[in-house]
């Protein structure tokens, strides 16, 4: 009997703690936001390439260097959790249309609002990988997507009770893995070697988004 009473007390304590925790997370005053809140952000943007990068080695064994003239149009959606109305964590997927390529980024998203208000400046960071292909041109061979990194800052404003609009300037880094072949003579024979290398692409751009939460 004593054992059963102890078990009942334990269960009662656990249930009490559980509902206390639920109440702490979800209970709110009319002017407050819950501690954790789901959000979805759908955005579109344009990035313009800048800087230059090295490409394949030509027949004179000279590695060419060309300007990054890529322009990308990107659409993506992010789903995540707002934390205490100021910060948020999420997972994003998207599609990027390059002038000479097509990529599908998958990334982790982190943002921070500088004010605990509906209208506030904010900053964010993305980190992940872009799956896809850079098409070959006269200057370089095709390549596969790798690491992506992005940071940005902007302003978000209230549209309705559960809807916000935001705009931001951003910087984006994208690694592309490619290769080139060179021919050389060995013991009177012409042989071919393949060299793998990484191409760093840099972009600056502007994007707009709609946030539902």
C-alpha atoms as a PDB file:
ATOM      1  CA  UNK A   1       0.000   0.000   0.000  1.00  0.00           C
ATOM      2  CA  UNK A   2       2.785   2.380   0.924  1.00  0.00           C
ATOM      3  CA  UNK A   3       4.530   1.583  -2.364  1.00  0.00           C
ATOM      4  CA  UNK A   4       1.357   2.361  -4.317  1.00  0.00           C
ATOM      5  CA  UNK A   5       0.975   5.706  -2.528  1.00  0.00           C
ATOM      6  CA  UNK A   6       4.582   6.580  -3.363  1.00  0.00           C
ATOM      7  CA  UNK A   7       3.999   5.750  -7.038  1.00  0.00           C
ATOM      8  CA  UNK A   8       0.802   7.845  -7.091  1.00  0.00           C
ATOM      9  CA  UNK A   9       2.634  10.798  -5.533  1.00  0.00           C
ATOM     10  CA  UNK A  10       5.408  10.466  -8.123  1.00  0.00           C
ATOM     11  CA  UNK A  11       2.920  10.373 -11.004  1.00  0.00           C
ATOM     12  CA  UNK A  12       1.021  13.337  -9.559  1.00  0.00           C
ATOM     13  CA  UNK A  13       4.280  15.318  -9.234  1.00  0.00           C
ATOM     14  CA  UNK A  14       5.292  14.533 -12.825  1.00  0.00           C
ATOM     15  CA  UNK A  15       1.872  15.520 -14.167  1.00  0.00           C
ATOM     16  CA  UNK A  16       1.970  18.750 -12.154  1.00  0.00           C
ATOM     17  CA  UNK A  17       5.436  19.603 -13.465  1.00  0.00           C
ATOM     18  CA  UNK A  18       4.338  18.823 -17.026  1.00  0.00           C
ATOM     19  CA  UNK A  19       1.318  21.117 -16.937  1.00  0.00           C
ATOM     20  CA  UNK A  20       3.316  23.798 -15.156  1.00  0.00           C
ATOM     21  CA  UNK A  21       5.855  23.699 -17.990  1.00  0.00           C
ATOM     22  CA  UNK A  22       3.129  23.825 -20.638  1.00  0.00           C
ATOM     23  CA  UNK A  23       1.551  26.775 -18.872  1.00  0.00           C
ATOM     24  CA  UNK A  24       4.929  28.552 -18.696  1.00  0.00           C
ATOM     25  CA  UNK A  25       5.548  28.130 -22.421  1.00  0.00           C
ATOM     26  CA  UNK A  26       2.088  28.891 -23.764  1.00  0.00           C
ATOM     27  CA  UNK A  27       0.430  31.106 -21.172  1.00  0.00           C
ATOM     28  CA  UNK A  28       0.618  34.759 -22.136  1.00  0.00           C
ATOM     29  CA  UNK A  29      -0.849  38.145 -21.449  1.00  0.00           C
ATOM     30  CA  UNK A  30      -2.731  39.853 -24.280  1.00  0.00           C
ATOM     31  CA  UNK A  31       0.327  41.989 -25.091  1.00  0.00           C
ATOM     32  CA  UNK A  32       2.910  39.197 -24.853  1.00  0.00           C
ATOM     33  CA  UNK A  33       4.100  36.569 -27.328  1.00  0.00           C
ATOM     34  CA  UNK A  34       4.526  32.878 -26.406  1.00  0.00           C
ATOM     35  CA  UNK A  35       8.029  31.693 -25.546  1.00  0.00           C
ATOM     36  CA  UNK A  36       8.059  29.390 -28.593  1.00  0.00           C
ATOM     37  CA  UNK A  37       6.143  30.082 -31.780  1.00  0.00           C
ATOM     38  CA  UNK A  38       6.119  28.482 -35.237  1.00  0.00           C
ATOM     39  CA  UNK A  39       6.954  30.636 -38.259  1.00  0.00           C
ATOM     40  CA  UNK A  40       7.118  30.241 -42.027  1.00  0.00           C
ATOM     41  CA  UNK A  41       9.043  32.652 -44.215  1.00  0.00           C
ATOM     42  CA  UNK A  42       8.744  32.618 -48.002  1.00  0.00           C
ATOM     43  CA  UNK A  43      11.185  34.840 -49.829  1.00  0.00           C
ATOM     44  CA  UNK A  44      12.501  35.812 -53.249  1.00  0.00           C
ATOM     45  CA  UNK A  45      15.643  37.693 -54.153  1.00  0.00           C
ATOM     46  CA  UNK A  46      18.297  38.601 -56.689  1.00  0.00           C
ATOM     47  CA  UNK A  47      22.054  38.232 -56.228  1.00  0.00           C
ATOM     48  CA  UNK A  48      24.764  39.830 -58.369  1.00  0.00           C
ATOM     49  CA  UNK A  49      28.181  38.224 -58.550  1.00  0.00           C
ATOM     50  CA  UNK A  50      31.330  40.189 -57.767  1.00  0.00           C
ATOM     51  CA  UNK A  51      35.040  39.454 -57.610  1.00  0.00           C
ATOM     52  CA  UNK A  52      36.901  36.920 -59.735  1.00  0.00           C
ATOM     53  CA  UNK A  53      38.022  33.302 -59.563  1.00  0.00           C
ATOM     54  CA  UNK A  54      40.517  30.935 -61.184  1.00  0.00           C
ATOM     55  CA  UNK A  55      39.343  28.389 -63.716  1.00  0.00           C
ATOM     56  CA  UNK A  56      40.789  25.572 -65.849  1.00  0.00           C
ATOM     57  CA  UNK A  57      44.385  25.380 -67.044  1.00  0.00           C
ATOM     58  CA  UNK A  58      44.772  26.006 -70.763  1.00  0.00           C
ATOM     59  CA  UNK A  59      47.117  24.260 -73.224  1.00  0.00           C
ATOM     60  CA  UNK A  60      49.989  26.497 -72.108  1.00  0.00           C
ATOM     61  CA  UNK A  61      49.528  25.331 -68.481  1.00  0.00           C
ATOM     62  CA  UNK A  62      48.264  28.761 -67.451  1.00  0.00           C
ATOM     63  CA  UNK A  63      45.314  28.930 -65.074  1.00  0.00           C
ATOM     64  CA  UNK A  64      42.886  31.549 -66.303  1.00  0.00           C
ATOM     65  CA  UNK A  65      41.186  34.049 -64.018  1.00  0.00           C
ATOM     66  CA  UNK A  66      37.770  35.451 -64.914  1.00  0.00           C
ATOM     67  CA  UNK A  67      35.239  37.828 -63.398  1.00  0.00           C
ATOM     68  CA  UNK A  68      32.191  36.498 -61.566  1.00  0.00           C
ATOM     69  CA  UNK A  69      29.402  37.758 -63.832  1.00  0.00           C
ATOM     70  CA  UNK A  70      26.707  35.407 -62.551  1.00  0.00           C
ATOM     71  CA  UNK A  71      23.259  36.747 -61.669  1.00  0.00           C
ATOM     72  CA  UNK A  72      21.019  34.507 -59.569  1.00  0.00           C
ATOM     73  CA  UNK A  73      17.280  34.603 -58.950  1.00  0.00           C
ATOM     74  CA  UNK A  74      16.320  32.699 -55.807  1.00  0.00           C
ATOM     75  CA  UNK A  75      13.074  31.582 -54.162  1.00  0.00           C
ATOM     76  CA  UNK A  76      13.035  29.701 -50.864  1.00  0.00           C
ATOM     77  CA  UNK A  77      10.922  28.849 -47.868  1.00  0.00           C
ATOM     78  CA  UNK A  78      11.972  28.530 -44.231  1.00  0.00           C
ATOM     79  CA  UNK A  79      10.096  26.788 -41.416  1.00  0.00           C
ATOM     80  CA  UNK A  80      11.169  27.158 -37.822  1.00  0.00           C
ATOM     81  CA  UNK A  81      10.569  28.283 -34.249  1.00  0.00           C
ATOM     82  CA  UNK A  82      10.610  31.817 -32.812  1.00  0.00           C
ATOM     83  CA  UNK A  83      12.214  31.965 -29.376  1.00  0.00           C
ATOM     84  CA  UNK A  84      10.916  34.582 -26.902  1.00  0.00           C
ATOM     85  CA  UNK A  85       9.864  36.849 -29.760  1.00  0.00           C
ATOM     86  CA  UNK A  86      13.440  37.933 -30.551  1.00  0.00           C
ATOM     87  CA  UNK A  87      15.409  35.073 -32.117  1.00  0.00           C
ATOM     88  CA  UNK A  88      14.502  32.197 -34.388  1.00  0.00           C
ATOM     89  CA  UNK A  89      15.884  28.919 -35.721  1.00  0.00           C
ATOM     90  CA  UNK A  90      14.699  27.172 -38.856  1.00  0.00           C
ATOM     91  CA  UNK A  91      15.419  24.929 -41.821  1.00  0.00           C
ATOM     92  CA  UNK A  92      15.194  26.297 -45.348  1.00  0.00           C
ATOM     93  CA  UNK A  93      14.999  24.857 -48.862  1.00  0.00           C
ATOM     94  CA  UNK A  94      14.887  26.668 -52.153  1.00  0.00           C
ATOM     95  CA  UNK A  95      15.693  26.915 -55.833  1.00  0.00           C
ATOM     96  CA  UNK A  96      18.278  29.186 -57.443  1.00  0.00           C
ATOM     97  CA  UNK A  97      18.333  30.010 -61.127  1.00  0.00           C
ATOM     98  CA  UNK A  98      21.828  31.011 -62.237  1.00  0.00           C
ATOM     99  CA  UNK A  99      22.706  32.353 -65.668  1.00  0.00           C
ATOM    100  CA  UNK A 100      24.818  29.239 -66.097  1.00  0.00           C
ATOM    101  CA  UNK A 101      23.469  26.767 -63.570  1.00  0.00           C
ATOM    102  CA  UNK A 102      20.681  25.518 -61.335  1.00  0.00           C
ATOM    103  CA  UNK A 103      20.950  24.854 -57.592  1.00  0.00           C
ATOM    104  CA  UNK A 104      18.746  23.673 -54.723  1.00  0.00           C
ATOM    105  CA  UNK A 105      20.000  25.000 -51.369  1.00  0.00           C
ATOM    106  CA  UNK A 106      19.272  23.282 -48.054  1.00  0.00           C
ATOM    107  CA  UNK A 107      20.354  25.274 -45.009  1.00  0.00           C
ATOM    108  CA  UNK A 108      19.974  26.174 -41.348  1.00  0.00           C
ATOM    109  CA  UNK A 109      18.595  29.646 -40.693  1.00  0.00           C
ATOM    110  CA  UNK A 110      19.209  31.847 -37.653  1.00  0.00           C
ATOM    111  CA  UNK A 111      17.812  35.351 -37.159  1.00  0.00           C
ATOM    112  CA  UNK A 112      17.713  37.970 -34.427  1.00  0.00           C
ATOM    113  CA  UNK A 113      15.300  40.915 -34.043  1.00  0.00           C
ATOM    114  CA  UNK A 114      16.876  44.002 -32.497  1.00  0.00           C
ATOM    115  CA  UNK A 115      13.543  45.033 -30.944  1.00  0.00           C
ATOM    116  CA  UNK A 116      10.870  42.891 -29.333  1.00  0.00           C
ATOM    117  CA  UNK A 117       8.248  44.505 -31.549  1.00  0.00           C
ATOM    118  CA  UNK A 118       6.383  43.738 -34.766  1.00  0.00           C
ATOM    119  CA  UNK A 119       8.280  46.489 -36.615  1.00  0.00           C
ATOM    120  CA  UNK A 120      12.002  46.016 -36.102  1.00  0.00           C
ATOM    121  CA  UNK A 121      15.392  45.828 -37.806  1.00  0.00           C
ATOM    122  CA  UNK A 122      16.907  42.353 -37.850  1.00  0.00           C
ATOM    123  CA  UNK A 123      19.949  40.331 -38.920  1.00  0.00           C
ATOM    124  CA  UNK A 124      20.251  36.727 -40.052  1.00  0.00           C
ATOM    125  CA  UNK A 125      22.673  33.985 -41.071  1.00  0.00           C
ATOM    126  CA  UNK A 126      22.297  30.914 -43.321  1.00  0.00           C
ATOM    127  CA  UNK A 127      24.627  27.903 -43.425  1.00  0.00           C
ATOM    128  CA  UNK A 128      24.199  24.760 -45.502  1.00  0.00           C
ATOM    129  CA  UNK A 129      24.804  23.197 -48.890  1.00  0.00           C
ATOM    130  CA  UNK A 130      23.530  23.842 -52.409  1.00  0.00           C
ATOM    131  CA  UNK A 131      22.839  20.773 -54.538  1.00  0.00           C
ATOM    132  CA  UNK A 132      22.981  21.264 -58.271  1.00  0.00           C
ATOM    133  CA  UNK A 133      25.184  21.954 -61.279  1.00  0.00           C
ATOM    134  CA  UNK A 134      27.077  24.886 -62.729  1.00  0.00           C
ATOM    135  CA  UNK A 135      27.013  24.465 -66.504  1.00  0.00           C
ATOM    136  CA  UNK A 136      30.223  24.334 -68.496  1.00  0.00           C
ATOM    137  CA  UNK A 137      31.318  27.254 -70.696  1.00  0.00           C
ATOM    138  CA  UNK A 138      34.221  28.105 -72.961  1.00  0.00           C
ATOM    139  CA  UNK A 139      36.217  29.134 -69.879  1.00  0.00           C
ATOM    140  CA  UNK A 140      35.518  26.299 -67.444  1.00  0.00           C
ATOM    141  CA  UNK A 141      34.013  22.842 -67.055  1.00  0.00           C
ATOM    142  CA  UNK A 142      30.800  22.055 -65.186  1.00  0.00           C
ATOM    143  CA  UNK A 143      30.813  21.879 -61.395  1.00  0.00           C
ATOM    144  CA  UNK A 144      28.795  20.672 -58.417  1.00  0.00           C
ATOM    145  CA  UNK A 145      27.464  22.760 -55.543  1.00  0.00           C
ATOM    146  CA  UNK A 146      29.056  22.732 -52.095  1.00  0.00           C
ATOM    147  CA  UNK A 147      29.078  24.843 -48.951  1.00  0.00           C
ATOM    148  CA  UNK A 148      26.854  27.922 -48.828  1.00  0.00           C
ATOM    149  CA  UNK A 149      27.038  30.748 -46.320  1.00  0.00           C
ATOM    150  CA  UNK A 150      25.006  33.924 -46.150  1.00  0.00           C
ATOM    151  CA  UNK A 151      24.472  36.907 -43.865  1.00  0.00           C
ATOM    152  CA  UNK A 152      22.064  39.785 -44.180  1.00  0.00           C
ATOM    153  CA  UNK A 153      20.280  42.622 -42.436  1.00  0.00           C
ATOM    154  CA  UNK A 154      17.037  44.412 -43.053  1.00  0.00           C
ATOM    155  CA  UNK A 155      13.718  45.541 -41.658  1.00  0.00           C
ATOM    156  CA  UNK A 156      10.446  43.728 -40.968  1.00  0.00           C
ATOM    157  CA  UNK A 157       7.024  45.291 -40.470  1.00  0.00           C
ATOM    158  CA  UNK A 158       3.592  44.167 -39.356  1.00  0.00           C
ATOM    159  CA  UNK A 159       0.957  43.623 -42.044  1.00  0.00           C
ATOM    160  CA  UNK A 160      -1.696  41.905 -39.928  1.00  0.00           C
ATOM    161  CA  UNK A 161      -1.945  40.001 -36.646  1.00  0.00           C
ATOM    162  CA  UNK A 162      -0.046  36.966 -37.961  1.00  0.00           C
ATOM    163  CA  UNK A 163       1.635  38.375 -41.060  1.00  0.00           C
ATOM    164  CA  UNK A 164       4.824  40.394 -41.540  1.00  0.00           C
ATOM    165  CA  UNK A 165       6.677  41.764 -44.547  1.00  0.00           C
ATOM    166  CA  UNK A 166      10.461  42.125 -44.624  1.00  0.00           C
ATOM    167  CA  UNK A 167      13.223  43.278 -46.935  1.00  0.00           C
ATOM    168  CA  UNK A 168      16.965  42.796 -46.582  1.00  0.00           C
ATOM    169  CA  UNK A 169      20.375  43.256 -48.156  1.00  0.00           C
ATOM    170  CA  UNK A 170      22.590  40.186 -48.125  1.00  0.00           C
ATOM    171  CA  UNK A 171      26.007  38.707 -48.834  1.00  0.00           C
ATOM    172  CA  UNK A 172      26.246  35.138 -50.105  1.00  0.00           C
ATOM    173  CA  UNK A 173      29.183  32.746 -50.519  1.00  0.00           C
ATOM    174  CA  UNK A 174      28.831  29.630 -52.657  1.00  0.00           C
ATOM    175  CA  UNK A 175      31.515  26.975 -53.206  1.00  0.00           C
ATOM    176  CA  UNK A 176      31.542  25.058 -56.487  1.00  0.00           C
ATOM    177  CA  UNK A 177      33.629  21.913 -56.999  1.00  0.00           C
ATOM    178  CA  UNK A 178      34.965  21.409 -60.503  1.00  0.00           C
ATOM    179  CA  UNK A 179      37.894  19.786 -62.306  1.00  0.00           C
ATOM    180  CA  UNK A 180      40.056  20.131 -65.390  1.00  0.00           C
ATOM    181  CA  UNK A 181      42.234  17.794 -67.429  1.00  0.00           C
ATOM    182  CA  UNK A 182      45.794  18.340 -68.601  1.00  0.00           C
ATOM    183  CA  UNK A 183      47.885  16.306 -71.016  1.00  0.00           C
ATOM    184  CA  UNK A 184      51.559  15.514 -70.529  1.00  0.00           C
ATOM    185  CA  UNK A 185      54.254  13.342 -72.045  1.00  0.00           C
ATOM    186  CA  UNK A 186      55.604  10.360 -70.122  1.00  0.00           C
ATOM    187  CA  UNK A 187      58.031   7.933 -71.735  1.00  0.00           C
ATOM    188  CA  UNK A 188      56.930   8.984 -75.176  1.00  0.00           C
ATOM    189  CA  UNK A 189      53.213   8.607 -74.390  1.00  0.00           C
ATOM    190  CA  UNK A 190      50.577  11.322 -74.034  1.00  0.00           C
ATOM    191  CA  UNK A 191      48.827  10.900 -70.710  1.00  0.00           C
ATOM    192  CA  UNK A 192      45.934  12.793 -69.125  1.00  0.00           C
ATOM    193  CA  UNK A 193      45.602  13.875 -65.509  1.00  0.00           C
ATOM    194  CA  UNK A 194      42.514  15.254 -63.760  1.00  0.00           C
ATOM    195  CA  UNK A 195      42.760  17.998 -61.137  1.00  0.00           C
ATOM    196  CA  UNK A 196      39.900  18.800 -58.753  1.00  0.00           C
ATOM    197  CA  UNK A 197      39.559  22.321 -57.413  1.00  0.00           C
ATOM    198  CA  UNK A 198      37.118  24.558 -55.536  1.00  0.00           C
ATOM    199  CA  UNK A 199      35.679  27.752 -56.989  1.00  0.00           C
ATOM    200  CA  UNK A 200      34.551  30.473 -54.524  1.00  0.00           C
ATOM    201  CA  UNK A 201      31.594  32.541 -55.745  1.00  0.00           C
ATOM    202  CA  UNK A 202      30.606  35.769 -53.981  1.00  0.00           C
ATOM    203  CA  UNK A 203      27.278  37.561 -54.351  1.00  0.00           C
ATOM    204  CA  UNK A 204      25.562  40.657 -52.986  1.00  0.00           C
ATOM    205  CA  UNK A 205      21.858  41.187 -53.362  1.00  0.00           C
ATOM    206  CA  UNK A 206      18.408  42.151 -52.184  1.00  0.00           C
ATOM    207  CA  UNK A 207      15.473  39.992 -51.096  1.00  0.00           C
ATOM    208  CA  UNK A 208      11.910  40.429 -49.881  1.00  0.00           C
ATOM    209  CA  UNK A 209       9.862  38.011 -47.784  1.00  0.00           C
ATOM    210  CA  UNK A 210       6.464  37.330 -46.246  1.00  0.00           C
ATOM    211  CA  UNK A 211       6.400  35.829 -42.730  1.00  0.00           C
ATOM    212  CA  UNK A 212       3.461  33.913 -41.291  1.00  0.00           C
ATOM    213  CA  UNK A 213       3.359  33.030 -37.580  1.00  0.00           C
END
